[in-house]
C-alpha cells in the first residue's frame, strides 16, 4: 500500500486477509486500532478482529 499526499491511498493489487487482536485492557488500544482497521477495509482487504474491548464492533461500523 502506498500513501501519497497528492493522490491519497493506492491499494495493492493483492487482496489480503488480516487477523487482528486488540487487548481489552483499557479502551485506548481499541480506539487507535479502529482507524487502522477502517483503512485496511477501505483498501479492499478482509479484517477479522478479536478483542475483549467493549463496544469495539460498533466503533468500526
Protein backbone atom coordinates (compact mmCIF):
# COMPACT_ATOMS: atom_id res chain seq x y z
CA UNK A 1 0.00 0.00 0.00
CA UNK A 2 1.33 3.38 -0.93
CA UNK A 3 0.21 6.64 0.63
CA UNK A 4 0.83 9.69 -1.49
CA UNK A 5 -0.08 13.17 -0.25
CA UNK A 6 -1.25 14.20 -3.71
CA UNK A 7 -3.12 11.06 -4.72
CA UNK A 8 -4.36 9.51 -1.48
CA UNK A 9 -4.07 5.78 -0.86
CA UNK A 10 -3.45 3.28 -3.60
CA UNK A 11 -4.47 -0.29 -2.76
CA UNK A 12 -2.14 -3.14 -3.62
CA UNK A 13 -3.28 -5.44 -6.39
CA UNK A 14 -3.25 -8.38 -3.98
CA UNK A 15 -6.25 -8.96 -1.69
CA UNK A 16 -5.07 -9.69 1.85
CA UNK A 17 -6.79 -11.14 4.92
CA UNK A 18 -5.78 -9.81 8.35
CA UNK A 19 -6.38 -11.31 11.79
CA UNK A 20 -6.07 -8.54 14.38
CA UNK A 21 -6.08 -8.98 18.16
CA UNK A 22 -6.80 -5.97 20.36
CA UNK A 23 -6.33 -6.22 24.09
CA UNK A 24 -9.39 -5.45 26.17
CA UNK A 25 -7.28 -3.82 28.90
CA UNK A 26 -8.40 -0.21 28.77
CA UNK A 27 -10.06 1.28 25.73
CA UNK A 28 -7.09 3.21 24.30
CA UNK A 29 -5.75 0.29 22.25
CA UNK A 30 -9.11 -0.33 20.58
CA UNK A 31 -9.58 3.36 19.89
CA UNK A 32 -6.30 3.55 17.97
CA UNK A 33 -6.90 0.29 16.11
CA UNK A 34 -10.26 1.49 14.75
CA UNK A 35 -8.57 3.77 12.21
CA UNK A 36 -6.11 1.09 11.13
CA UNK A 37 -8.92 -1.42 10.58
CA UNK A 38 -11.03 1.12 8.66
CA UNK A 39 -8.06 1.90 6.43
CA UNK A 40 -7.44 -1.78 5.67
CA UNK A 41 -11.11 -2.40 4.86
CA UNK A 42 -11.24 0.70 2.65
CA UNK A 43 -8.22 -0.65 0.77
CA UNK A 44 -10.23 -3.78 -0.08
CA UNK A 45 -8.85 -6.21 2.48
CA UNK A 46 -10.70 -8.52 4.86
CA UNK A 47 -10.06 -7.86 8.55
CA UNK A 48 -11.06 -10.19 11.39
CA UNK A 49 -10.77 -8.61 14.83
CA UNK A 50 -10.73 -10.46 18.14
CA UNK A 51 -10.98 -8.33 21.26
CA UNK A 52 -12.27 -8.14 24.79
CA UNK A 53 -12.80 -4.39 24.44
CA UNK A 54 -16.46 -3.43 24.96
CA UNK A 55 -18.30 -1.88 22.01
CA UNK A 56 -15.35 -2.26 19.61
CA UNK A 57 -17.56 -3.62 16.83
CA UNK A 58 -19.78 -0.55 16.94
CA UNK A 59 -16.73 1.71 16.61
CA UNK A 60 -15.61 0.20 13.31
CA UNK A 61 -19.01 0.28 11.58
